[in-house]
Amino acid sequence: RRSAAALARRLRGVARGRFTVELVDGRSQVGGGALPLADLP
């Protein structure tokens, strides 16, 4: 969450109306191929 907030602040600083930035909750998919799939918040 801290890393996401810092990234969002940095990107808002260069957006200049070309894009908007927001923070959203999500899931990170872990694994693939021969590994079982799981996800993390």
PDB file of all heavy atoms in Angstrom:
ATOM      1  N   ARG A   1       0.835  -1.216   0.000  1.00  0.00           N
ATOM      2  CA  ARG A   1       0.000   0.000   0.000  1.00  0.00           C
ATOM      3  C   ARG A   1       0.870   1.266   0.000  1.00  0.00           C
ATOM      4  O   ARG A   1       0.579   2.218  -0.717  1.00  0.00           O
ATOM      5  CB  ARG A   1      -0.940   0.002   1.200  1.00  0.00           C
ATOM      6  CG  ARG A   1      -2.082  -0.983   1.071  1.00  0.00           C
ATOM      7  CD  ARG A   1      -3.008  -0.890   2.294  1.00  0.00           C
ATOM      8  NE  ARG A   1      -4.110  -1.808   2.188  1.00  0.00           N
ATOM      9  CZ  ARG A   1      -5.212  -1.600   1.483  1.00  0.00           C
ATOM     10  NH1 ARG A   1      -5.348  -0.488   0.801  1.00  0.00           N
ATOM     11  NH2 ARG A   1      -6.163  -2.500   1.441  1.00  0.00           N
ATOM     12  N   ARG A   2       1.932   1.263   0.792  1.00  0.00           N
ATOM     13  CA  ARG A   2       2.834   2.423   0.815  1.00  0.00           C
ATOM     14  C   ARG A   2       3.511   2.608  -0.547  1.00  0.00           C
ATOM     15  O   ARG A   2       3.614   3.736  -1.048  1.00  0.00           O
ATOM     16  CB  ARG A   2       3.881   2.277   1.920  1.00  0.00           C
ATOM     17  CG  ARG A   2       3.327   2.542   3.312  1.00  0.00           C
ATOM     18  CD  ARG A   2       4.418   2.640   4.359  1.00  0.00           C
ATOM     19  NE  ARG A   2       5.233   1.429   4.468  1.00  0.00           N
ATOM     20  CZ  ARG A   2       4.909   0.367   5.199  1.00  0.00           C
ATOM     21  NH1 ARG A   2       3.772   0.350   5.890  1.00  0.00           N
ATOM     22  NH2 ARG A   2       5.710  -0.674   5.252  1.00  0.00           N
ATOM     23  N   SER A   3       3.955   1.527  -1.148  1.00  0.00           N
ATOM     24  CA  SER A   3       4.589   1.601  -2.466  1.00  0.00           C
ATOM     25  C   SER A   3       3.607   2.107  -3.518  1.00  0.00           C
ATOM     26  O   SER A   3       3.963   2.919  -4.376  1.00  0.00           O
ATOM     27  CB  SER A   3       5.120   0.225  -2.894  1.00  0.00           C
ATOM     28  OG  SER A   3       6.153  -0.195  -2.053  1.00  0.00           O
ATOM     29  N   ALA A   4       2.370   1.632  -3.464  1.00  0.00           N
ATOM     30  CA  ALA A   4       1.345   2.063  -4.427  1.00  0.00           C
ATOM     31  C   ALA A   4       1.060   3.548  -4.270  1.00  0.00           C
ATOM     32  O   ALA A   4       0.956   4.280  -5.262  1.00  0.00           O
ATOM     33  CB  ALA A   4       0.069   1.246  -4.241  1.00  0.00           C
ATOM     34  N   ALA A   5       0.960   4.022  -3.027  1.00  0.00           N
ATOM     35  CA  ALA A   5       0.690   5.444  -2.790  1.00  0.00           C
ATOM     36  C   ALA A   5       1.840   6.305  -3.316  1.00  0.00           C
ATOM     37  O   ALA A   5       1.617   7.348  -3.929  1.00  0.00           O
ATOM     38  CB  ALA A   5       0.454   5.691  -1.299  1.00  0.00           C
ATOM     39  N   ALA A   6       3.070   5.863  -3.103  1.00  0.00           N
ATOM     40  CA  ALA A   6       4.231   6.616  -3.586  1.00  0.00           C
ATOM     41  C   ALA A   6       4.260   6.634  -5.111  1.00  0.00           C
ATOM     42  O   ALA A   6       4.545   7.678  -5.718  1.00  0.00           O
ATOM     43  CB  ALA A   6       5.515   6.005  -3.029  1.00  0.00           C
ATOM     44  N   LEU A   7       3.973   5.512  -5.742  1.00  0.00           N
ATOM     45  CA  LEU A   7       3.936   5.452  -7.206  1.00  0.00           C
ATOM     46  C   LEU A   7       2.840   6.365  -7.742  1.00  0.00           C
ATOM     47  O   LEU A   7       3.055   7.124  -8.694  1.00  0.00           O
ATOM     48  CB  LEU A   7       3.721   4.017  -7.677  1.00  0.00           C
ATOM     49  CG  LEU A   7       3.565   3.818  -9.186  1.00  0.00           C
ATOM     50  CD1 LEU A   7       4.784   4.319  -9.954  1.00  0.00           C
ATOM     51  CD2 LEU A   7       3.284   2.350  -9.496  1.00  0.00           C
ATOM     52  N   ALA A   8       1.671   6.327  -7.132  1.00  0.00           N
ATOM     53  CA  ALA A   8       0.563   7.171  -7.581  1.00  0.00           C
ATOM     54  C   ALA A   8       0.928   8.650  -7.472  1.00  0.00           C
ATOM     55  O   ALA A   8       0.653   9.430  -8.393  1.00  0.00           O
ATOM     56  CB  ALA A   8      -0.702   6.861  -6.778  1.00  0.00           C
ATOM     57  N   ARG A   9       1.562   9.056  -6.372  1.00  0.00           N
ATOM     58  CA  ARG A   9       1.988  10.455  -6.211  1.00  0.00           C
ATOM     59  C   ARG A   9       2.956  10.852  -7.324  1.00  0.00           C
ATOM     60  O   ARG A   9       2.822  11.920  -7.922  1.00  0.00           O
ATOM     61  CB  ARG A   9       2.663  10.673  -4.856  1.00  0.00           C
ATOM     62  CG  ARG A   9       1.714  10.931  -3.718  1.00  0.00           C
ATOM     63  CD  ARG A   9       2.428  11.399  -2.464  1.00  0.00           C
ATOM     64  NE  ARG A   9       3.490  10.501  -2.010  1.00  0.00           N
ATOM     65  CZ  ARG A   9       3.290   9.426  -1.270  1.00  0.00           C
ATOM     66  NH1 ARG A   9       2.074   9.072  -0.889  1.00  0.00           N
ATOM     67  NH2 ARG A   9       4.312   8.688  -0.880  1.00  0.00           N
ATOM     68  N   ARG A  10       3.916  10.004  -7.598  1.00  0.00           N
ATOM     69  CA  ARG A  10       4.907  10.306  -8.640  1.00  0.00           C
ATOM     70  C   ARG A  10       4.229  10.439  -9.999  1.00  0.00           C
ATOM     71  O   ARG A  10       4.520  11.359 -10.767  1.00  0.00           O
ATOM     72  CB  ARG A  10       5.980   9.227  -8.689  1.00  0.00           C
ATOM     73  CG  ARG A  10       7.052   9.506  -9.746  1.00  0.00           C
ATOM     74  CD  ARG A  10       8.131   8.457  -9.740  1.00  0.00           C
ATOM     75  NE  ARG A  10       8.971   8.553  -8.572  1.00  0.00           N
ATOM     76  CZ  ARG A  10      10.154   9.168  -8.541  1.00  0.00           C
ATOM     77  NH1 ARG A  10      10.622   9.742  -9.625  1.00  0.00           N
ATOM     78  NH2 ARG A  10      10.865   9.201  -7.450  1.00  0.00           N
ATOM     79  N   LEU A  11       3.315   9.527 -10.311  1.00  0.00           N
ATOM     80  CA  LEU A  11       2.668   9.559 -11.622  1.00  0.00           C
ATOM     81  C   LEU A  11       1.716  10.743 -11.751  1.00  0.00           C
ATOM     82  O   LEU A  11       1.619  11.339 -12.824  1.00  0.00           O
ATOM     83  CB  LEU A  11       1.946   8.238 -11.894  1.00  0.00           C
ATOM     84  CG  LEU A  11       2.859   7.010 -11.964  1.00  0.00           C
ATOM     85  CD1 LEU A  11       2.051   5.781 -12.322  1.00  0.00           C
ATOM     86  CD2 LEU A  11       4.023   7.216 -12.919  1.00  0.00           C
ATOM     87  N   ARG A  12       1.030  11.093 -10.686  1.00  0.00           N
ATOM     88  CA  ARG A  12       0.175  12.291 -10.728  1.00  0.00           C
ATOM     89  C   ARG A  12       1.002  13.539 -11.017  1.00  0.00           C
ATOM     90  O   ARG A  12       0.528  14.470 -11.659  1.00  0.00           O
ATOM     91  CB  ARG A  12      -0.593  12.441  -9.417  1.00  0.00           C
ATOM     92  CG  ARG A  12      -1.720  11.453  -9.277  1.00  0.00           C
ATOM     93  CD  ARG A  12      -2.480  11.640  -7.965  1.00  0.00           C
ATOM     94  NE  ARG A  12      -3.506  10.640  -7.829  1.00  0.00           N
ATOM     95  CZ  ARG A  12      -3.608   9.790  -6.802  1.00  0.00           C
ATOM     96  NH1 ARG A  12      -2.749   9.863  -5.780  1.00  0.00           N
ATOM     97  NH2 ARG A  12      -4.564   8.894  -6.765  1.00  0.00           N
ATOM     98  N   GLY A  13       2.248  13.528 -10.571  1.00  0.00           N
ATOM     99  CA  GLY A  13       3.135  14.661 -10.798  1.00  0.00           C
ATOM    100  C   GLY A  13       3.530  14.851 -12.253  1.00  0.00           C
ATOM    101  O   GLY A  13       3.942  15.938 -12.643  1.00  0.00           O
ATOM    102  N   VAL A  14       3.417  13.812 -13.062  1.00  0.00           N
ATOM    103  CA  VAL A  14       3.772  13.922 -14.489  1.00  0.00           C
ATOM    104  C   VAL A  14       2.554  13.799 -15.399  1.00  0.00           C
ATOM    105  O   VAL A  14       2.695  13.865 -16.614  1.00  0.00           O
ATOM    106  CB  VAL A  14       4.845  12.887 -14.897  1.00  0.00           C
ATOM    107  CG1 VAL A  14       6.128  13.074 -14.106  1.00  0.00           C
ATOM    108  CG2 VAL A  14       4.327  11.464 -14.796  1.00  0.00           C
ATOM    109  N   ALA A  15       1.375  13.639 -14.831  1.00  0.00           N
ATOM    110  CA  ALA A  15       0.170  13.377 -15.642  1.00  0.00           C
ATOM    111  C   ALA A  15      -0.188  14.545 -16.557  1.00  0.00           C
ATOM    112  O   ALA A  15      -0.488  14.345 -17.728  1.00  0.00           O
ATOM    113  CB  ALA A  15      -1.016  13.028 -14.742  1.00  0.00           C
ATOM    114  N   ARG A  16      -0.194  15.761 -16.031  1.00  0.00           N
ATOM    115  CA  ARG A  16      -0.494  16.967 -16.806  1.00  0.00           C
ATOM    116  C   ARG A  16      -1.704  16.808 -17.736  1.00  0.00           C
ATOM    117  O   ARG A  16      -1.677  17.216 -18.892  1.00  0.00           O
ATOM    118  CB  ARG A  16       0.736  17.416 -17.594  1.00  0.00           C
ATOM    119  CG  ARG A  16       1.895  17.817 -16.703  1.00  0.00           C
ATOM    120  CD  ARG A  16       3.024  18.471 -17.444  1.00  0.00           C
ATOM    121  NE  ARG A  16       3.666  17.662 -18.442  1.00  0.00           N
ATOM    122  CZ  ARG A  16       4.640  16.775 -18.219  1.00  0.00           C
ATOM    123  NH1 ARG A  16       5.073  16.585 -16.989  1.00  0.00           N
ATOM    124  NH2 ARG A  16       5.176  16.094 -19.200  1.00  0.00           N
ATOM    125  N   GLY A  17      -2.765  16.183 -17.223  1.00  0.00           N
ATOM    126  CA  GLY A  17      -3.999  16.028 -17.990  1.00  0.00           C
ATOM    127  C   GLY A  17      -3.967  14.929 -19.040  1.00  0.00           C
ATOM    128  O   GLY A  17      -4.960  14.680 -19.704  1.00  0.00           O
ATOM    129  N   ARG A  18      -2.844  14.238 -19.176  1.00  0.00           N
ATOM    130  CA  ARG A  18      -2.712  13.193 -20.196  1.00  0.00           C
ATOM    131  C   ARG A  18      -3.263  11.854 -19.738  1.00  0.00           C
ATOM    132  O   ARG A  18      -3.576  10.995 -20.541  1.00  0.00           O
ATOM    133  CB  ARG A  18      -1.250  13.044 -20.606  1.00  0.00           C
ATOM    134  CG  ARG A  18      -0.650  14.357 -21.115  1.00  0.00           C
ATOM    135  CD  ARG A  18       0.819  14.267 -21.372  1.00  0.00           C
ATOM    136  NE  ARG A  18       1.563  13.962 -20.148  1.00  0.00           N
ATOM    137  CZ  ARG A  18       2.886  13.783 -20.117  1.00  0.00           C
ATOM    138  NH1 ARG A  18       3.590  13.885 -21.220  1.00  0.00           N
ATOM    139  NH2 ARG A  18       3.503  13.524 -18.983  1.00  0.00           N
ATOM    140  N   PHE A  19      -3.372  11.695 -18.426  1.00  0.00           N
ATOM    141  CA  PHE A  19      -3.944  10.483 -17.838  1.00  0.00           C
ATOM    142  C   PHE A  19      -4.320  10.795 -16.399  1.00  0.00           C
ATOM    143  O   PHE A  19      -3.852  11.773 -15.827  1.00  0.00           O
ATOM    144  CB  PHE A  19      -2.973   9.294 -17.914  1.00  0.00           C
ATOM    145  CG  PHE A  19      -1.611   9.551 -17.315  1.00  0.00           C
ATOM    146  CD1 PHE A  19      -1.366   9.308 -15.973  1.00  0.00           C
ATOM    147  CD2 PHE A  19      -0.565  10.026 -18.100  1.00  0.00           C
ATOM    148  CE1 PHE A  19      -0.116   9.536 -15.423  1.00  0.00           C
ATOM    149  CE2 PHE A  19       0.688  10.266 -17.562  1.00  0.00           C
ATOM    150  CZ  PHE A  19       0.920  10.010 -16.219  1.00  0.00           C
ATOM    151  N   THR A  20      -5.197   9.966 -15.847  1.00  0.00           N
ATOM    152  CA  THR A  20      -5.541  10.077 -14.436  1.00  0.00           C
ATOM    153  C   THR A  20      -5.004   8.851 -13.710  1.00  0.00           C
ATOM    154  O   THR A  20      -4.760   7.803 -14.324  1.00  0.00           O
ATOM    155  CB  THR A  20      -7.065  10.176 -14.217  1.00  0.00           C
ATOM    156  OG1 THR A  20      -7.689   9.007 -14.750  1.00  0.00           O
ATOM    157  CG2 THR A  20      -7.627  11.423 -14.887  1.00  0.00           C
ATOM    158  N   VAL A  21      -4.827   9.008 -12.422  1.00  0.00           N
ATOM    159  CA  VAL A  21      -4.246   7.945 -11.593  1.00  0.00           C
ATOM    160  C   VAL A  21      -5.140   7.748 -10.382  1.00  0.00           C
ATOM    161  O   VAL A  21      -5.550   8.723  -9.747  1.00  0.00           O
ATOM    162  CB  VAL A  21      -2.827   8.325 -11.129  1.00  0.00           C
ATOM    163  CG1 VAL A  21      -2.235   7.247 -10.232  1.00  0.00           C
ATOM    164  CG2 VAL A  21      -1.921   8.601 -12.318  1.00  0.00           C
ATOM    165  N   GLU A  22      -5.451   6.500 -10.078  1.00  0.00           N
ATOM    166  CA  GLU A  22      -6.189   6.190  -8.849  1.00  0.00           C
ATOM    167  C   GLU A  22      -5.631   4.912  -8.249  1.00  0.00           C
ATOM    168  O   GLU A  22      -4.959   4.129  -8.916  1.00  0.00           O
ATOM    169  CB  GLU A  22      -7.686   6.065  -9.126  1.00  0.00           C
ATOM    170  CG  GLU A  22      -8.057   4.921 -10.028  1.00  0.00           C
ATOM    171  CD  GLU A  22      -9.552   4.823 -10.288  1.00  0.00           C
ATOM    172  OE1 GLU A  22     -10.333   4.886  -9.332  1.00  0.00           O
ATOM    173  OE2 GLU A  22      -9.918   4.674 -11.464  1.00  0.00           O
ATOM    174  N   LEU A  23      -5.912   4.720  -6.981  1.00  0.00           N
ATOM    175  CA  LEU A  23      -5.513   3.508  -6.271  1.00  0.00           C
ATOM    176  C   LEU A  23      -6.731   2.609  -6.129  1.00  0.00           C
ATOM    177  O   LEU A  23      -7.809   3.090  -5.775  1.00  0.00           O
ATOM    178  CB  LEU A  23      -4.951   3.863  -4.896  1.00  0.00           C
ATOM    179  CG  LEU A  23      -3.639   4.643  -4.923  1.00  0.00           C
ATOM    180  CD1 LEU A  23      -3.311   5.178  -3.543  1.00  0.00           C
ATOM    181  CD2 LEU A  23      -2.515   3.767  -5.434  1.00  0.00           C
ATOM    182  N   VAL A  24      -6.548   1.331  -6.405  1.00  0.00           N
ATOM    183  CA  VAL A  24      -7.643   0.360  -6.287  1.00  0.00           C
ATOM    184  C   VAL A  24      -7.112  -0.916  -5.639  1.00  0.00           C
ATOM    185  O   VAL A  24      -5.950  -1.280  -5.819  1.00  0.00           O
ATOM    186  CB  VAL A  24      -8.289   0.042  -7.663  1.00  0.00           C
ATOM    187  CG1 VAL A  24      -8.941   1.265  -8.257  1.00  0.00           C
ATOM    188  CG2 VAL A  24      -7.289  -0.541  -8.631  1.00  0.00           C
ATOM    189  N   ASP A  25      -7.964  -1.575  -4.893  1.00  0.00           N
ATOM    190  CA  ASP A  25      -7.595  -2.871  -4.332  1.00  0.00           C
ATOM    191  C   ASP A  25      -7.660  -3.919  -5.427  1.00  0.00           C
ATOM    192  O   ASP A  25      -8.453  -3.811  -6.368  1.00  0.00           O
ATOM    193  CB  ASP A  25      -8.547  -3.254  -3.188  1.00  0.00           C
ATOM    194  CG  ASP A  25      -8.325  -2.398  -1.957  1.00  0.00           C
ATOM    195  OD1 ASP A  25      -7.166  -1.998  -1.703  1.00  0.00           O
ATOM    196  OD2 ASP A  25      -9.299  -2.118  -1.249  1.00  0.00           O
ATOM    197  N   GLY A  26      -6.819  -4.921  -5.323  1.00  0.00           N
ATOM    198  CA  GLY A  26      -6.807  -5.975  -6.331  1.00  0.00           C
ATOM    199  C   GLY A  26      -6.159  -7.235  -5.807  1.00  0.00           C
ATOM    200  O   GLY A  26      -5.920  -7.374  -4.595  1.00  0.00           O
ATOM    201  N   ARG A  27      -5.875  -8.128  -6.725  1.00  0.00           N
ATOM    202  CA  ARG A  27      -5.258  -9.414  -6.412  1.00  0.00           C
ATOM    203  C   ARG A  27      -4.065  -9.606  -7.335  1.00  0.00           C
ATOM    204  O   ARG A  27      -4.136  -9.301  -8.519  1.00  0.00           O
ATOM    205  CB  ARG A  27      -6.239 -10.568  -6.616  1.00  0.00           C
ATOM    206  CG  ARG A  27      -7.583 -10.444  -5.918  1.00  0.00           C
ATOM    207  CD  ARG A  27      -7.549 -10.516  -4.443  1.00  0.00           C
ATOM    208  NE  ARG A  27      -7.151 -11.822  -3.936  1.00  0.00           N
ATOM    209  CZ  ARG A  27      -7.012 -12.094  -2.646  1.00  0.00           C
ATOM    210  NH1 ARG A  27      -7.256 -11.158  -1.753  1.00  0.00           N
ATOM    211  NH2 ARG A  27      -6.647 -13.273  -2.248  1.00  0.00           N
ATOM    212  N   SER A  28      -2.967 -10.136  -6.796  1.00  0.00           N
ATOM    213  CA  SER A  28      -1.790 -10.504  -7.577  1.00  0.00           C
ATOM    214  C   SER A  28      -1.823 -12.005  -7.785  1.00  0.00           C
ATOM    215  O   SER A  28      -1.904 -12.768  -6.816  1.00  0.00           O
ATOM    216  CB  SER A  28      -0.493 -10.164  -6.833  1.00  0.00           C
ATOM    217  OG  SER A  28      -0.343  -8.790  -6.673  1.00  0.00           O
ATOM    218  N   GLN A  29      -1.756 -12.413  -9.037  1.00  0.00           N
ATOM    219  CA  GLN A  29      -1.753 -13.850  -9.325  1.00  0.00           C
ATOM    220  C   GLN A  29      -0.347 -14.393  -9.154  1.00  0.00           C
ATOM    221  O   GLN A  29       0.624 -13.812  -9.639  1.00  0.00           O
ATOM    222  CB  GLN A  29      -2.261 -14.120 -10.732  1.00  0.00           C
ATOM    223  CG  GLN A  29      -2.532 -15.576 -10.982  1.00  0.00           C
ATOM    224  CD  GLN A  29      -3.177 -15.807 -12.334  1.00  0.00           C
ATOM    225  OE1 GLN A  29      -2.937 -15.071 -13.276  1.00  0.00           O
ATOM    226  NE2 GLN A  29      -3.974 -16.834 -12.420  1.00  0.00           N
ATOM    227  N   VAL A  30      -0.241 -15.494  -8.456  1.00  0.00           N
ATOM    228  CA  VAL A  30       1.036 -16.132  -8.179  1.00  0.00           C
ATOM    229  C   VAL A  30       1.020 -17.503  -8.836  1.00  0.00           C
ATOM    230  O   VAL A  30       0.024 -18.204  -8.805  1.00  0.00           O
ATOM    231  CB  VAL A  30       1.245 -16.297  -6.653  1.00  0.00           C
ATOM    232  CG1 VAL A  30       2.581 -16.961  -6.369  1.00  0.00           C
ATOM    233  CG2 VAL A  30       1.145 -14.954  -5.967  1.00  0.00           C
ATOM    234  N   GLY A  31       2.124 -17.879  -9.413  1.00  0.00           N
ATOM    235  CA  GLY A  31       2.226 -19.204 -10.013  1.00  0.00           C
ATOM    236  C   GLY A  31       1.854 -19.191 -11.475  1.00  0.00           C
ATOM    237  O   GLY A  31       1.534 -18.170 -12.061  1.00  0.00           O
ATOM    238  N   GLY A  32       1.918 -20.326 -12.062  1.00  0.00           N
ATOM    239  CA  GLY A  32       1.656 -20.491 -13.481  1.00  0.00           C
ATOM    240  C   GLY A  32       2.464 -21.678 -13.970  1.00  0.00           C
ATOM    241  O   GLY A  32       3.301 -22.225 -13.251  1.00  0.00           O
ATOM    242  N   GLY A  33       2.211 -22.092 -15.169  1.00  0.00           N
ATOM    243  CA  GLY A  33       2.936 -23.252 -15.673  1.00  0.00           C
ATOM    244  C   GLY A  33       2.646 -24.463 -14.818  1.00  0.00           C
ATOM    245  O   GLY A  33       1.496 -24.839 -14.615  1.00  0.00           O
ATOM    246  N   ALA A  34       3.689 -25.061 -14.264  1.00  0.00           N
ATOM    247  CA  ALA A  34       3.535 -26.270 -13.455  1.00  0.00           C
ATOM    248  C   ALA A  34       3.147 -25.963 -12.008  1.00  0.00           C
ATOM    249  O   ALA A  34       2.814 -26.877 -11.262  1.00  0.00           O
ATOM    250  CB  ALA A  34       4.832 -27.079 -13.468  1.00  0.00           C
ATOM    251  N   LEU A  35       3.194 -24.688 -11.620  1.00  0.00           N
ATOM    252  CA  LEU A  35       2.857 -24.330 -10.247  1.00  0.00           C
ATOM    253  C   LEU A  35       1.363 -24.116 -10.092  1.00  0.00           C
ATOM    254  O   LEU A  35       0.706 -23.601 -10.993  1.00  0.00           O
ATOM    255  CB  LEU A  35       3.580 -23.041  -9.843  1.00  0.00           C
ATOM    256  CG  LEU A  35       5.092 -23.119  -9.784  1.00  0.00           C
ATOM    257  CD1 LEU A  35       5.668 -21.737  -9.526  1.00  0.00           C
ATOM    258  CD2 LEU A  35       5.531 -24.070  -8.692  1.00  0.00           C
ATOM    259  N   PRO A  36       0.806 -24.451  -8.961  1.00  0.00           N
ATOM    260  CA  PRO A  36      -0.609 -24.159  -8.736  1.00  0.00           C
ATOM    261  C   PRO A  36      -0.817 -22.653  -8.660  1.00  0.00           C
ATOM    262  O   PRO A  36       0.067 -21.919  -8.224  1.00  0.00           O
ATOM    263  CB  PRO A  36      -0.906 -24.835  -7.406  1.00  0.00           C
ATOM    264  CG  PRO A  36       0.402 -25.019  -6.748  1.00  0.00           C
ATOM    265  CD  PRO A  36       1.433 -25.112  -7.839  1.00  0.00           C
ATOM    266  N   LEU A  37      -1.961 -22.229  -9.116  1.00  0.00           N
ATOM    267  CA  LEU A  37      -2.267 -20.809  -9.088  1.00  0.00           C
ATOM    268  C   LEU A  37      -2.826 -20.408  -7.729  1.00  0.00           C
ATOM    269  O   LEU A  37      -3.620 -21.112  -7.131  1.00  0.00           O
ATOM    270  CB  LEU A  37      -3.273 -20.461 -10.186  1.00  0.00           C
ATOM    271  CG  LEU A  37      -2.791 -20.688 -11.609  1.00  0.00           C
ATOM    272  CD1 LEU A  37      -3.906 -20.375 -12.594  1.00  0.00           C
ATOM    273  CD2 LEU A  37      -1.585 -19.826 -11.915  1.00  0.00           C
ATOM    274  N   ALA A  38      -2.396 -19.256  -7.280  1.00  0.00           N
ATOM    275  CA  ALA A  38      -2.907 -18.676  -6.042  1.00  0.00           C
ATOM    276  C   ALA A  38      -2.924 -17.175  -6.259  1.00  0.00           C
ATOM    277  O   ALA A  38      -2.374 -16.678  -7.239  1.00  0.00           O
ATOM    278  CB  ALA A  38      -1.999 -19.043  -4.873  1.00  0.00           C
ATOM    279  N   ASP A  39      -3.548 -16.448  -5.375  1.00  0.00           N
ATOM    280  CA  ASP A  39      -3.480 -14.998  -5.485  1.00  0.00           C
ATOM    281  C   ASP A  39      -3.331 -14.370  -4.111  1.00  0.00           C
ATOM    282  O   ASP A  39      -3.647 -14.979  -3.095  1.00  0.00           O
ATOM    283  CB  ASP A  39      -4.647 -14.413  -6.277  1.00  0.00           C
ATOM    284  CG  ASP A  39      -6.008 -14.677  -5.664  1.00  0.00           C
ATOM    285  OD1 ASP A  39      -6.086 -14.954  -4.457  1.00  0.00           O
ATOM    286  OD2 ASP A  39      -7.000 -14.567  -6.385  1.00  0.00           O
ATOM    287  N   LEU A  40      -2.784 -13.160  -4.125  1.00  0.00           N
ATOM    288  CA  LEU A  40      -2.528 -12.411  -2.903  1.00  0.00           C
ATOM    289  C   LEU A  40      -3.192 -11.050  -3.011  1.00  0.00           C
ATOM    290  O   LEU A  40      -3.255 -10.477  -4.109  1.00  0.00           O
ATOM    291  CB  LEU A  40      -1.016 -12.200  -2.722  1.00  0.00           C
ATOM    292  CG  LEU A  40      -0.152 -13.447  -2.599  1.00  0.00           C
ATOM    293  CD1 LEU A  40       1.322 -13.065  -2.663  1.00  0.00           C
ATOM    294  CD2 LEU A  40      -0.468 -14.165  -1.296  1.00  0.00           C
ATOM    295  N   PRO A  41      -3.651 -10.490  -1.900  1.00  0.00           N
ATOM    296  CA  PRO A  41      -4.216  -9.142  -1.962  1.00  0.00           C
ATOM    297  C   PRO A  41      -3.119  -8.135  -2.291  1.00  0.00           C
ATOM    298  O   PRO A  41      -1.958  -8.310  -1.900  1.00  0.00           O
ATOM    299  CB  PRO A  41      -4.770  -8.919  -0.553  1.00  0.00           C
ATOM    300  CG  PRO A  41      -4.012  -9.857   0.304  1.00  0.00           C
ATOM    301  CD  PRO A  41      -3.645 -11.033  -0.551  1.00  0.00           C
TER     302      PRO A  41
END
